Each structure stands twice: as C-alpha cells, then as structure tokens.
C-alpha cells in the first residue's frame, strides 16, 4: 500500500474511534485511573454505526467495575462499550458508587 493511501486509511480509523478521553471520565466523584478505549467491531465500522451508548456502572470500593447495565444505544455499540468499561479502574473509595457513563461513537 502506498504511504499516502495508508495515511488516509489510518485517519479513517481514528475518526471511527469513540470520542472519550480518560481525563474526562468519572462516575459521581470517582475518576478513572485506568481507561480502555472501546474498540468498534468491524461490522459496526462497515455499517458506519454512530451514536451514543448510555451505561449504568457500579464501582466497588477498590475501584473495580462490579456491574455494567445498558440504558440505551445500538446493541453492537452497547456490547463493545460495556466490554471496555468492565476493564476500567477507578479511584478507591470508602463506599461503592453507581452512576451513568455515556460513550459517544463518531
């Protein structure tokens, strides 16, 4: 593949990456310490799926995600967003926390 075509292909993939930054993510007062970017499945890319996914996330006192409940979004996007959020790690706290997380796929 020619360098120019490769660059265009890579830029196209970057556009399909969800628009979420780790330093912007928090649930309640709990900030994300370890963030895994949701990866878009190939079929979702081919279908040009875009939109938001809303999840309800429960975080244990140790900062690990204990539960993810989908509240809205396309099923393919919900699945990849849920898988990524389960791998996130938050700041430890004295109490468990539950709150919404919205991930935008553009």
PDB file of N, CA and C in Angstrom:
ATOM      1  N   UNK A   1       0.850  -1.175   0.000  1.00  0.00           N
ATOM      2  CA  UNK A   1       0.000   0.000   0.000  1.00  0.00           C
ATOM      3  C   UNK A   1       0.897   1.239   0.000  1.00  0.00           C
ATOM      4  N   UNK A   2       0.542   2.213  -0.777  1.00  0.00           N
ATOM      5  CA  UNK A   2       1.324   3.445  -0.868  1.00  0.00           C
ATOM      6  C   UNK A   2       1.184   4.252   0.420  1.00  0.00           C
ATOM      7  N   UNK A   3       2.225   5.005   0.769  1.00  0.00           N
ATOM      8  CA  UNK A   3       2.202   5.758   2.033  1.00  0.00           C
ATOM      9  C   UNK A   3       1.010   6.703   2.162  1.00  0.00           C
ATOM     10  N   UNK A   4       0.643   7.364   1.074  1.00  0.00           N
ATOM     11  CA  UNK A   4      -0.476   8.305   1.140  1.00  0.00           C
ATOM     12  C   UNK A   4      -1.787   7.570   1.406  1.00  0.00           C
ATOM     13  N   UNK A   5      -1.986   6.430   0.742  1.00  0.00           N
ATOM     14  CA  UNK A   5      -3.200   5.634   0.954  1.00  0.00           C
ATOM     15  C   UNK A   5      -3.236   5.076   2.370  1.00  0.00           C
ATOM     16  N   UNK A   6      -2.080   4.678   2.886  1.00  0.00           N
ATOM     17  CA  UNK A   6      -2.005   4.166   4.249  1.00  0.00           C
ATOM     18  C   UNK A   6      -2.376   5.254   5.249  1.00  0.00           C
ATOM     19  N   UNK A   7      -1.879   6.453   5.033  1.00  0.00           N
ATOM     20  CA  UNK A   7      -2.196   7.580   5.912  1.00  0.00           C
ATOM     21  C   UNK A   7      -3.692   7.871   5.909  1.00  0.00           C
ATOM     22  N   UNK A   8      -4.313   7.867   4.741  1.00  0.00           N
ATOM     23  CA  UNK A   8      -5.757   8.107   4.631  1.00  0.00           C
ATOM     24  C   UNK A   8      -6.527   7.011   5.355  1.00  0.00           C
ATOM     25  N   UNK A   9      -6.092   5.756   5.204  1.00  0.00           N
ATOM     26  CA  UNK A   9      -6.763   4.643   5.888  1.00  0.00           C
ATOM     27  C   UNK A   9      -6.649   4.782   7.396  1.00  0.00           C
ATOM     28  N   UNK A  10      -5.473   5.147   7.898  1.00  0.00           N
ATOM     29  CA  UNK A  10      -5.288   5.320   9.341  1.00  0.00           C
ATOM     30  C   UNK A  10      -6.121   6.476   9.885  1.00  0.00           C
ATOM     31  N   UNK A  11      -6.203   7.564   9.152  1.00  0.00           N
ATOM     32  CA  UNK A  11      -7.034   8.688   9.585  1.00  0.00           C
ATOM     33  C   UNK A  11      -8.504   8.287   9.641  1.00  0.00           C
ATOM     34  N   UNK A  12      -8.939   7.470   8.694  1.00  0.00           N
ATOM     35  CA  UNK A  12     -10.319   6.984   8.705  1.00  0.00           C
ATOM     36  C   UNK A  12     -10.613   6.161   9.943  1.00  0.00           C
ATOM     37  N   UNK A  13      -9.650   5.349  10.372  1.00  0.00           N
ATOM     38  CA  UNK A  13      -9.832   4.561  11.590  1.00  0.00           C
ATOM     39  C   UNK A  13      -9.888   5.450  12.818  1.00  0.00           C
ATOM     40  N   UNK A  14      -9.070   6.482  12.860  1.00  0.00           N
ATOM     41  CA  UNK A  14      -9.090   7.392  14.003  1.00  0.00           C
ATOM     42  C   UNK A  14     -10.422   8.107  14.142  1.00  0.00           C
ATOM     43  N   UNK A  15     -11.048   8.427  13.035  1.00  0.00           N
ATOM     44  CA  UNK A  15     -12.350   9.092  13.073  1.00  0.00           C
ATOM     45  C   UNK A  15     -13.399   8.166  13.667  1.00  0.00           C
ATOM     46  N   UNK A  16     -13.263   6.854  13.443  1.00  0.00           N
ATOM     47  CA  UNK A  16     -14.246   5.892  13.934  1.00  0.00           C
ATOM     48  C   UNK A  16     -14.059   5.551  15.406  1.00  0.00           C
ATOM     49  N   UNK A  17     -12.968   6.014  16.018  1.00  0.00           N
ATOM     50  CA  UNK A  17     -12.711   5.719  17.422  1.00  0.00           C
ATOM     51  C   UNK A  17     -13.642   6.554  18.292  1.00  0.00           C
ATOM     52  N   UNK A  18     -14.200   5.961  19.342  1.00  0.00           N
ATOM     53  CA  UNK A  18     -15.092   6.700  20.225  1.00  0.00           C
ATOM     54  C   UNK A  18     -14.429   7.951  20.775  1.00  0.00           C
ATOM     55  N   UNK A  19     -15.212   8.990  20.902  1.00  0.00           N
ATOM     56  CA  UNK A  19     -14.697  10.275  21.379  1.00  0.00           C
ATOM     57  C   UNK A  19     -14.846  10.370  22.889  1.00  0.00           C
ATOM     58  N   UNK A  20     -13.947   9.726  23.599  1.00  0.00           N
ATOM     59  CA  UNK A  20     -13.951   9.768  25.052  1.00  0.00           C
ATOM     60  C   UNK A  20     -12.506   9.865  25.501  1.00  0.00           C
ATOM     61  N   UNK A  21     -12.226  10.755  26.403  1.00  0.00           N
ATOM     62  CA  UNK A  21     -10.877  10.875  26.941  1.00  0.00           C
ATOM     63  C   UNK A  21     -10.895  10.465  28.401  1.00  0.00           C
ATOM     64  N   UNK A  22      -9.859   9.765  28.818  1.00  0.00           N
ATOM     65  CA  UNK A  22      -9.805   9.247  30.191  1.00  0.00           C
ATOM     66  C   UNK A  22      -9.877  10.356  31.225  1.00  0.00           C
ATOM     67  N   UNK A  23      -9.260  11.501  30.957  1.00  0.00           N
ATOM     68  CA  UNK A  23      -9.261  12.559  31.961  1.00  0.00           C
ATOM     69  C   UNK A  23     -10.629  13.226  32.093  1.00  0.00           C
ATOM     70  N   UNK A  24     -11.559  12.916  31.221  1.00  0.00           N
ATOM     71  CA  UNK A  24     -12.909  13.475  31.297  1.00  0.00           C
ATOM     72  C   UNK A  24     -13.880  12.510  31.959  1.00  0.00           C
ATOM     73  N   UNK A  25     -13.454  11.261  32.172  1.00  0.00           N
ATOM     74  CA  UNK A  25     -14.376  10.240  32.651  1.00  0.00           C
ATOM     75  C   UNK A  25     -14.411  10.181  34.172  1.00  0.00           C
ATOM     76  N   UNK A  26     -15.619  10.175  34.685  1.00  0.00           N
ATOM     77  CA  UNK A  26     -15.835   9.988  36.105  1.00  0.00           C
ATOM     78  C   UNK A  26     -17.253   9.495  36.312  1.00  0.00           C
ATOM     79  N   UNK A  27     -17.444   8.817  37.424  1.00  0.00           N
ATOM     80  CA  UNK A  27     -18.769   8.378  37.850  1.00  0.00           C
ATOM     81  C   UNK A  27     -18.944   8.929  39.251  1.00  0.00           C
ATOM     82  N   UNK A  28     -19.895   9.832  39.394  1.00  0.00           N
ATOM     83  CA  UNK A  28     -20.037  10.538  40.666  1.00  0.00           C
ATOM     84  C   UNK A  28     -18.774  11.343  40.910  1.00  0.00           C
ATOM     85  N   UNK A  29     -18.122  11.070  42.033  1.00  0.00           N
ATOM     86  CA  UNK A  29     -16.869  11.760  42.337  1.00  0.00           C
ATOM     87  C   UNK A  29     -15.654  10.880  42.054  1.00  0.00           C
ATOM     88  N   UNK A  30     -15.867   9.718  41.470  1.00  0.00           N
ATOM     89  CA  UNK A  30     -14.784   8.757  41.212  1.00  0.00           C
ATOM     90  C   UNK A  30     -14.203   8.968  39.825  1.00  0.00           C
ATOM     91  N   UNK A  31     -12.922   9.243  39.764  1.00  0.00           N
ATOM     92  CA  UNK A  31     -12.235   9.473  38.495  1.00  0.00           C
ATOM     93  C   UNK A  31     -11.612   8.175  37.989  1.00  0.00           C
ATOM     94  N   UNK A  32     -11.548   8.034  36.678  1.00  0.00           N
ATOM     95  CA  UNK A  32     -10.931   6.871  36.057  1.00  0.00           C
ATOM     96  C   UNK A  32      -9.421   6.944  36.232  1.00  0.00           C
ATOM     97  N   UNK A  33      -8.823   5.857  36.720  1.00  0.00           N
ATOM     98  CA  UNK A  33      -7.361   5.755  36.829  1.00  0.00           C
ATOM     99  C   UNK A  33      -6.803   4.973  35.647  1.00  0.00           C
ATOM    100  N   UNK A  34      -7.524   3.945  35.209  1.00  0.00           N
ATOM    101  CA  UNK A  34      -7.103   3.130  34.065  1.00  0.00           C
ATOM    102  C   UNK A  34      -8.273   3.080  33.092  1.00  0.00           C
ATOM    103  N   UNK A  35      -8.012   3.505  31.871  1.00  0.00           N
ATOM    104  CA  UNK A  35      -9.060   3.628  30.855  1.00  0.00           C
ATOM    105  C   UNK A  35      -8.724   2.759  29.661  1.00  0.00           C
ATOM    106  N   UNK A  36      -9.677   1.962  29.216  1.00  0.00           N
ATOM    107  CA  UNK A  36      -9.536   1.176  27.993  1.00  0.00           C
ATOM    108  C   UNK A  36     -10.501   1.748  26.970  1.00  0.00           C
ATOM    109  N   UNK A  37      -9.968   2.179  25.847  1.00  0.00           N
ATOM    110  CA  UNK A  37     -10.804   2.762  24.794  1.00  0.00           C
ATOM    111  C   UNK A  37     -11.655   1.662  24.159  1.00  0.00           C
ATOM    112  N   UNK A  38     -12.969   1.870  24.048  1.00  0.00           N
ATOM    113  CA  UNK A  38     -13.819   0.874  23.386  1.00  0.00           C
ATOM    114  C   UNK A  38     -13.389   0.708  21.931  1.00  0.00           C
ATOM    115  N   UNK A  39     -13.286  -0.536  21.493  1.00  0.00           N
ATOM    116  CA  UNK A  39     -12.924  -0.787  20.095  1.00  0.00           C
ATOM    117  C   UNK A  39     -14.185  -1.142  19.315  1.00  0.00           C
ATOM    118  N   UNK A  40     -14.330  -0.505  18.188  1.00  0.00           N
ATOM    119  CA  UNK A  40     -15.502  -0.696  17.343  1.00  0.00           C
ATOM    120  C   UNK A  40     -15.351  -1.986  16.545  1.00  0.00           C
ATOM    121  N   UNK A  41     -16.326  -2.892  16.599  1.00  0.00           N
ATOM    122  CA  UNK A  41     -16.236  -4.120  15.807  1.00  0.00           C
ATOM    123  C   UNK A  41     -16.238  -3.804  14.307  1.00  0.00           C
ATOM    124  N   UNK A  42     -15.611  -4.666  13.542  1.00  0.00           N
ATOM    125  CA  UNK A  42     -15.509  -4.463  12.097  1.00  0.00           C
ATOM    126  C   UNK A  42     -16.888  -4.295  11.456  1.00  0.00           C
ATOM    127  N   UNK A  43     -17.863  -5.076  11.876  1.00  0.00           N
ATOM    128  CA  UNK A  43     -19.206  -4.982  11.286  1.00  0.00           C
ATOM    129  C   UNK A  43     -19.826  -3.609  11.563  1.00  0.00           C
ATOM    130  N   UNK A  44     -19.572  -3.066  12.737  1.00  0.00           N
ATOM    131  CA  UNK A  44     -20.097  -1.733  13.071  1.00  0.00           C
ATOM    132  C   UNK A  44     -19.435  -0.670  12.207  1.00  0.00           C
ATOM    133  N   UNK A  45     -18.138  -0.837  11.934  1.00  0.00           N
ATOM    134  CA  UNK A  45     -17.438   0.093  11.042  1.00  0.00           C
ATOM    135  C   UNK A  45     -18.014   0.040   9.639  1.00  0.00           C
ATOM    136  N   UNK A  46     -18.233  -1.191   9.148  1.00  0.00           N
ATOM    137  CA  UNK A  46     -18.777  -1.361   7.795  1.00  0.00           C
ATOM    138  C   UNK A  46     -20.185  -0.787   7.680  1.00  0.00           C
ATOM    139  N   UNK A  47     -20.945  -0.876   8.776  1.00  0.00           N
ATOM    140  CA  UNK A  47     -22.311  -0.336   8.786  1.00  0.00           C
ATOM    141  C   UNK A  47     -22.314   1.165   9.051  1.00  0.00           C
ATOM    142  N   UNK A  48     -21.122   1.717   9.337  1.00  0.00           N
ATOM    143  CA  UNK A  48     -20.975   3.136   9.646  1.00  0.00           C
ATOM    144  C   UNK A  48     -21.852   3.548  10.835  1.00  0.00           C
ATOM    145  N   UNK A  49     -21.874   2.688  11.859  1.00  0.00           N
ATOM    146  CA  UNK A  49     -22.690   2.959  13.041  1.00  0.00           C
ATOM    147  C   UNK A  49     -22.095   4.109  13.842  1.00  0.00           C
ATOM    148  N   UNK A  50     -22.932   4.997  14.260  1.00  0.00           N
ATOM    149  CA  UNK A  50     -22.549   6.128  15.096  1.00  0.00           C
ATOM    150  C   UNK A  50     -23.630   6.317  16.136  1.00  0.00           C
ATOM    151  N   UNK A  51     -23.288   7.009  17.181  1.00  0.00           N
ATOM    152  CA  UNK A  51     -24.276   7.305  18.204  1.00  0.00           C
ATOM    153  C   UNK A  51     -23.695   7.196  19.594  1.00  0.00           C
ATOM    154  N   UNK A  52     -24.569   7.294  20.568  1.00  0.00           N
ATOM    155  CA  UNK A  52     -24.168   7.262  21.974  1.00  0.00           C
ATOM    156  C   UNK A  52     -24.655   5.987  22.636  1.00  0.00           C
ATOM    157  N   UNK A  53     -23.909   5.572  23.618  1.00  0.00           N
ATOM    158  CA  UNK A  53     -24.290   4.446  24.465  1.00  0.00           C
ATOM    159  C   UNK A  53     -24.324   4.966  25.888  1.00  0.00           C
ATOM    160  N   UNK A  54     -25.410   4.681  26.580  1.00  0.00           N
ATOM    161  CA  UNK A  54     -25.515   5.079  27.984  1.00  0.00           C
ATOM    162  C   UNK A  54     -25.517   3.815  28.833  1.00  0.00           C
ATOM    163  N   UNK A  55     -24.639   3.793  29.825  1.00  0.00           N
ATOM    164  CA  UNK A  55     -24.499   2.648  30.714  1.00  0.00           C
ATOM    165  C   UNK A  55     -24.624   3.092  32.163  1.00  0.00           C
ATOM    166  N   UNK A  56     -25.173   2.218  32.997  1.00  0.00           N
ATOM    167  CA  UNK A  56     -25.140   2.440  34.444  1.00  0.00           C
ATOM    168  C   UNK A  56     -24.026   1.557  34.989  1.00  0.00           C
ATOM    169  N   UNK A  57     -23.067   2.176  35.670  1.00  0.00           N
ATOM    170  CA  UNK A  57     -21.874   1.477  36.125  1.00  0.00           C
ATOM    171  C   UNK A  57     -21.830   1.456  37.643  1.00  0.00           C
ATOM    172  N   UNK A  58     -21.573   0.280  38.206  1.00  0.00           N
ATOM    173  CA  UNK A  58     -21.352   0.147  39.647  1.00  0.00           C
ATOM    174  C   UNK A  58     -19.864  -0.083  39.863  1.00  0.00           C
ATOM    175  N   UNK A  59     -19.308   0.644  40.823  1.00  0.00           N
ATOM    176  CA  UNK A  59     -17.879   0.561  41.119  1.00  0.00           C
ATOM    177  C   UNK A  59     -17.715   0.165  42.577  1.00  0.00           C
ATOM    178  N   UNK A  60     -16.915  -0.867  42.815  1.00  0.00           N
ATOM    179  CA  UNK A  60     -16.643  -1.310  44.175  1.00  0.00           C
ATOM    180  C   UNK A  60     -15.702  -0.360  44.898  1.00  0.00           C
ATOM    181  N   UNK A  61     -15.528  -0.573  46.185  1.00  0.00           N
ATOM    182  CA  UNK A  61     -14.660   0.293  46.985  1.00  0.00           C
ATOM    183  C   UNK A  61     -13.208   0.254  46.514  1.00  0.00           C
ATOM    184  N   UNK A  62     -12.803  -0.854  45.898  1.00  0.00           N
ATOM    185  CA  UNK A  62     -11.430  -0.994  45.417  1.00  0.00           C
ATOM    186  C   UNK A  62     -11.198  -0.334  44.054  1.00  0.00           C
ATOM    187  N   UNK A  63     -12.252   0.195  43.440  1.00  0.00           N
ATOM    188  CA  UNK A  63     -12.122   0.878  42.154  1.00  0.00           C
ATOM    189  C   UNK A  63     -12.430   0.016  40.949  1.00  0.00           C
ATOM    190  N   UNK A  64     -12.717  -1.263  41.166  1.00  0.00           N
ATOM    191  CA  UNK A  64     -13.056  -2.151  40.051  1.00  0.00           C
ATOM    192  C   UNK A  64     -14.542  -2.053  39.730  1.00  0.00           C
ATOM    193  N   UNK A  65     -14.856  -2.142  38.440  1.00  0.00           N
ATOM    194  CA  UNK A  65     -16.248  -2.123  38.000  1.00  0.00           C
ATOM    195  C   UNK A  65     -16.872  -3.466  38.357  1.00  0.00           C
ATOM    196  N   UNK A  66     -17.979  -3.424  39.101  1.00  0.00           N
ATOM    197  CA  UNK A  66     -18.632  -4.652  39.531  1.00  0.00           C
ATOM    198  C   UNK A  66     -19.865  -4.984  38.695  1.00  0.00           C
ATOM    199  N   UNK A  67     -20.425  -3.974  38.017  1.00  0.00           N
ATOM    200  CA  UNK A  67     -21.631  -4.201  37.230  1.00  0.00           C
ATOM    201  C   UNK A  67     -21.763  -3.129  36.154  1.00  0.00           C
ATOM    202  N   UNK A  68     -22.211  -3.545  34.978  1.00  0.00           N
ATOM    203  CA  UNK A  68     -22.495  -2.623  33.878  1.00  0.00           C
ATOM    204  C   UNK A  68     -23.874  -2.970  33.341  1.00  0.00           C
ATOM    205  N   UNK A  69     -24.780  -1.985  33.361  1.00  0.00           N
ATOM    206  CA  UNK A  69     -26.144  -2.192  32.879  1.00  0.00           C
ATOM    207  C   UNK A  69     -26.400  -1.234  31.715  1.00  0.00           C
ATOM    208  N   UNK A  70     -26.741  -1.766  30.526  1.00  0.00           N
ATOM    209  CA  UNK A  70     -27.035  -0.880  29.390  1.00  0.00           C
ATOM    210  C   UNK A  70     -28.344  -0.128  29.597  1.00  0.00           C
ATOM    211  N   UNK A  71     -28.313   1.169  29.309  1.00  0.00           N
ATOM    212  CA  UNK A  71     -29.508   2.001  29.411  1.00  0.00           C
ATOM    213  C   UNK A  71     -29.981   2.493  28.052  1.00  0.00           C
ATOM    214  N   UNK A  72     -29.120   2.395  27.030  1.00  0.00           N
ATOM    215  CA  UNK A  72     -29.527   2.826  25.699  1.00  0.00           C
ATOM    216  C   UNK A  72     -28.383   2.790  24.720  1.00  0.00           C
ATOM    217  N   UNK A  73     -28.723   2.645  23.445  1.00  0.00           N
ATOM    218  CA  UNK A  73     -27.734   2.628  22.382  1.00  0.00           C
ATOM    219  C   UNK A  73     -27.914   1.416  21.496  1.00  0.00           C
ATOM    220  N   UNK A  74     -27.266   1.433  20.331  1.00  0.00           N
ATOM    221  CA  UNK A  74     -27.319   0.308  19.397  1.00  0.00           C
ATOM    222  C   UNK A  74     -26.657  -0.906  20.046  1.00  0.00           C
ATOM    223  N   UNK A  75     -27.247  -2.101  19.922  1.00  0.00           N
ATOM    224  CA  UNK A  75     -26.707  -3.299  20.584  1.00  0.00           C
ATOM    225  C   UNK A  75     -25.226  -3.584  20.287  1.00  0.00           C
ATOM    226  N   UNK A  76     -24.779  -3.368  19.053  1.00  0.00           N
ATOM    227  CA  UNK A  76     -23.358  -3.590  18.743  1.00  0.00           C
ATOM    228  C   UNK A  76     -22.465  -2.615  19.489  1.00  0.00           C
ATOM    229  N   UNK A  77     -22.914  -1.371  19.578  1.00  0.00           N
ATOM    230  CA  UNK A  77     -22.136  -0.359  20.286  1.00  0.00           C
ATOM    231  C   UNK A  77     -22.198  -0.585  21.786  1.00  0.00           C
ATOM    232  N   UNK A  78     -23.356  -1.020  22.292  1.00  0.00           N
ATOM    233  CA  UNK A  78     -23.510  -1.297  23.721  1.00  0.00           C
ATOM    234  C   UNK A  78     -22.536  -2.390  24.143  1.00  0.00           C
ATOM    235  N   UNK A  79     -22.419  -3.431  23.334  1.00  0.00           N
ATOM    236  CA  UNK A  79     -21.540  -4.550  23.682  1.00  0.00           C
ATOM    237  C   UNK A  79     -20.080  -4.124  23.778  1.00  0.00           C
ATOM    238  N   UNK A  80     -19.591  -3.389  22.776  1.00  0.00           N
ATOM    239  CA  UNK A  80     -18.171  -3.006  22.824  1.00  0.00           C
ATOM    240  C   UNK A  80     -17.915  -1.964  23.914  1.00  0.00           C
ATOM    241  N   UNK A  81     -18.867  -1.075  24.165  1.00  0.00           N
ATOM    242  CA  UNK A  81     -18.712  -0.093  25.242  1.00  0.00           C
ATOM    243  C   UNK A  81     -18.712  -0.798  26.601  1.00  0.00           C
ATOM    244  N   UNK A  82     -19.618  -1.747  26.791  1.00  0.00           N
ATOM    245  CA  UNK A  82     -19.703  -2.487  28.062  1.00  0.00           C
ATOM    246  C   UNK A  82     -18.425  -3.271  28.327  1.00  0.00           C
ATOM    247  N   UNK A  83     -17.903  -3.930  27.296  1.00  0.00           N
ATOM    248  CA  UNK A  83     -16.668  -4.707  27.457  1.00  0.00           C
ATOM    249  C   UNK A  83     -15.512  -3.810  27.898  1.00  0.00           C
ATOM    250  N   UNK A  84     -15.406  -2.637  27.296  1.00  0.00           N
ATOM    251  CA  UNK A  84     -14.321  -1.719  27.652  1.00  0.00           C
ATOM    252  C   UNK A  84     -14.493  -1.184  29.072  1.00  0.00           C
ATOM    253  N   UNK A  85     -15.703  -0.777  29.426  1.00  0.00           N
ATOM    254  CA  UNK A  85     -15.954  -0.186  30.752  1.00  0.00           C
ATOM    255  C   UNK A  85     -15.685  -1.198  31.857  1.00  0.00           C
ATOM    256  N   UNK A  86     -15.958  -2.472  31.602  1.00  0.00           N
ATOM    257  CA  UNK A  86     -15.666  -3.505  32.616  1.00  0.00           C
ATOM    258  C   UNK A  86     -14.174  -3.556  32.962  1.00  0.00           C
ATOM    259  N   UNK A  87     -13.316  -3.126  32.047  1.00  0.00           N
ATOM    260  CA  UNK A  87     -11.867  -3.148  32.280  1.00  0.00           C
ATOM    261  C   UNK A  87     -11.351  -1.860  32.932  1.00  0.00           C
ATOM    262  N   UNK A  88     -12.191  -0.841  33.042  1.00  0.00           N
ATOM    263  CA  UNK A  88     -11.773   0.418  33.646  1.00  0.00           C
ATOM    264  C   UNK A  88     -11.507   0.221  35.133  1.00  0.00           C
ATOM    265  N   UNK A  89     -10.610   1.048  35.665  1.00  0.00           N
ATOM    266  CA  UNK A  89     -10.336   1.069  37.099  1.00  0.00           C
ATOM    267  C   UNK A  89     -10.463   2.505  37.577  1.00  0.00           C
ATOM    268  N   UNK A  90     -11.164   2.669  38.696  1.00  0.00           N
ATOM    269  CA  UNK A  90     -11.424   3.986  39.267  1.00  0.00           C
ATOM    270  C   UNK A  90     -10.627   4.158  40.549  1.00  0.00           C
ATOM    271  N   UNK A  91     -10.639   5.391  41.050  1.00  0.00           N
ATOM    272  CA  UNK A  91     -10.003   5.672  42.337  1.00  0.00           C
ATOM    273  C   UNK A  91     -10.712   4.869  43.428  1.00  0.00           C
ATOM    274  N   UNK A  92      -9.965   4.339  44.397  1.00  0.00           N
ATOM    275  CA  UNK A  92     -10.613   3.667  45.534  1.00  0.00           C
ATOM    276  C   UNK A  92     -11.438   4.657  46.345  1.00  0.00           C
ATOM    277  N   UNK A  93     -12.408   4.124  47.086  1.00  0.00           N
ATOM    278  CA  UNK A  93     -13.274   4.965  47.910  1.00  0.00           C
ATOM    279  C   UNK A  93     -13.780   4.150  49.097  1.00  0.00           C
ATOM    280  N   UNK A  94     -14.315   4.840  50.077  1.00  0.00           N
ATOM    281  CA  UNK A  94     -14.884   4.160  51.242  1.00  0.00           C
ATOM    282  C   UNK A  94     -16.219   3.506  50.920  1.00  0.00           C
ATOM    283  N   UNK A  95     -16.869   3.982  49.860  1.00  0.00           N
ATOM    284  CA  UNK A  95     -18.195   3.470  49.508  1.00  0.00           C
ATOM    285  C   UNK A  95     -18.232   3.061  48.036  1.00  0.00           C
ATOM    286  N   UNK A  96     -19.090   2.088  47.742  1.00  0.00           N
ATOM    287  CA  UNK A  96     -19.349   1.727  46.353  1.00  0.00           C
ATOM    288  C   UNK A  96     -20.109   2.886  45.692  1.00  0.00           C
ATOM    289  N   UNK A  97     -19.964   2.999  44.391  1.00  0.00           N
ATOM    290  CA  UNK A  97     -20.583   4.090  43.641  1.00  0.00           C
ATOM    291  C   UNK A  97     -21.339   3.530  42.451  1.00  0.00           C
ATOM    292  N   UNK A  98     -22.495   4.130  42.160  1.00  0.00           N
ATOM    293  CA  UNK A  98     -23.266   3.790  40.962  1.00  0.00           C
ATOM    294  C   UNK A  98     -23.588   5.086  40.239  1.00  0.00           C
ATOM    295  N   UNK A  99     -23.409   5.065  38.916  1.00  0.00           N
ATOM    296  CA  UNK A  99     -23.724   6.253  38.140  1.00  0.00           C
ATOM    297  C   UNK A  99     -23.664   5.987  36.648  1.00  0.00           C
ATOM    298  N   UNK A 100     -24.104   6.960  35.867  1.00  0.00           N
ATOM    299  CA  UNK A 100     -24.144   6.792  34.409  1.00  0.00           C
ATOM    300  C   UNK A 100     -22.806   7.111  33.739  1.00  0.00           C
ATOM    301  N   UNK A 101     -22.563   6.447  32.627  1.00  0.00           N
ATOM    302  CA  UNK A 101     -21.441   6.728  31.750  1.00  0.00           C
ATOM    303  C   UNK A 101     -22.008   6.798  30.343  1.00  0.00           C
ATOM    304  N   UNK A 102     -21.664   7.851  29.602  1.00  0.00           N
ATOM    305  CA  UNK A 102     -22.098   7.990  28.210  1.00  0.00           C
ATOM    306  C   UNK A 102     -20.858   7.954  27.336  1.00  0.00           C
ATOM    307  N   UNK A 103     -20.882   7.083  26.334  1.00  0.00           N
ATOM    308  CA  UNK A 103     -19.782   6.968  25.382  1.00  0.00           C
ATOM    309  C   UNK A 103     -20.322   7.296  24.004  1.00  0.00           C
ATOM    310  N   UNK A 104     -19.689   8.259  23.340  1.00  0.00           N
ATOM    311  CA  UNK A 104     -20.106   8.680  22.006  1.00  0.00           C
ATOM    312  C   UNK A 104     -19.214   8.029  20.959  1.00  0.00           C
ATOM    313  N   UNK A 105     -19.820   7.380  19.998  1.00  0.00           N
ATOM    314  CA  UNK A 105     -19.106   6.803  18.866  1.00  0.00           C
ATOM    315  C   UNK A 105     -19.359   7.713  17.680  1.00  0.00           C
ATOM    316  N   UNK A 106     -18.295   8.231  17.085  1.00  0.00           N
ATOM    317  CA  UNK A 106     -18.436   9.153  15.962  1.00  0.00           C
ATOM    318  C   UNK A 106     -17.743   8.637  14.735  1.00  0.00           C
TER     319      UNK A 106
END
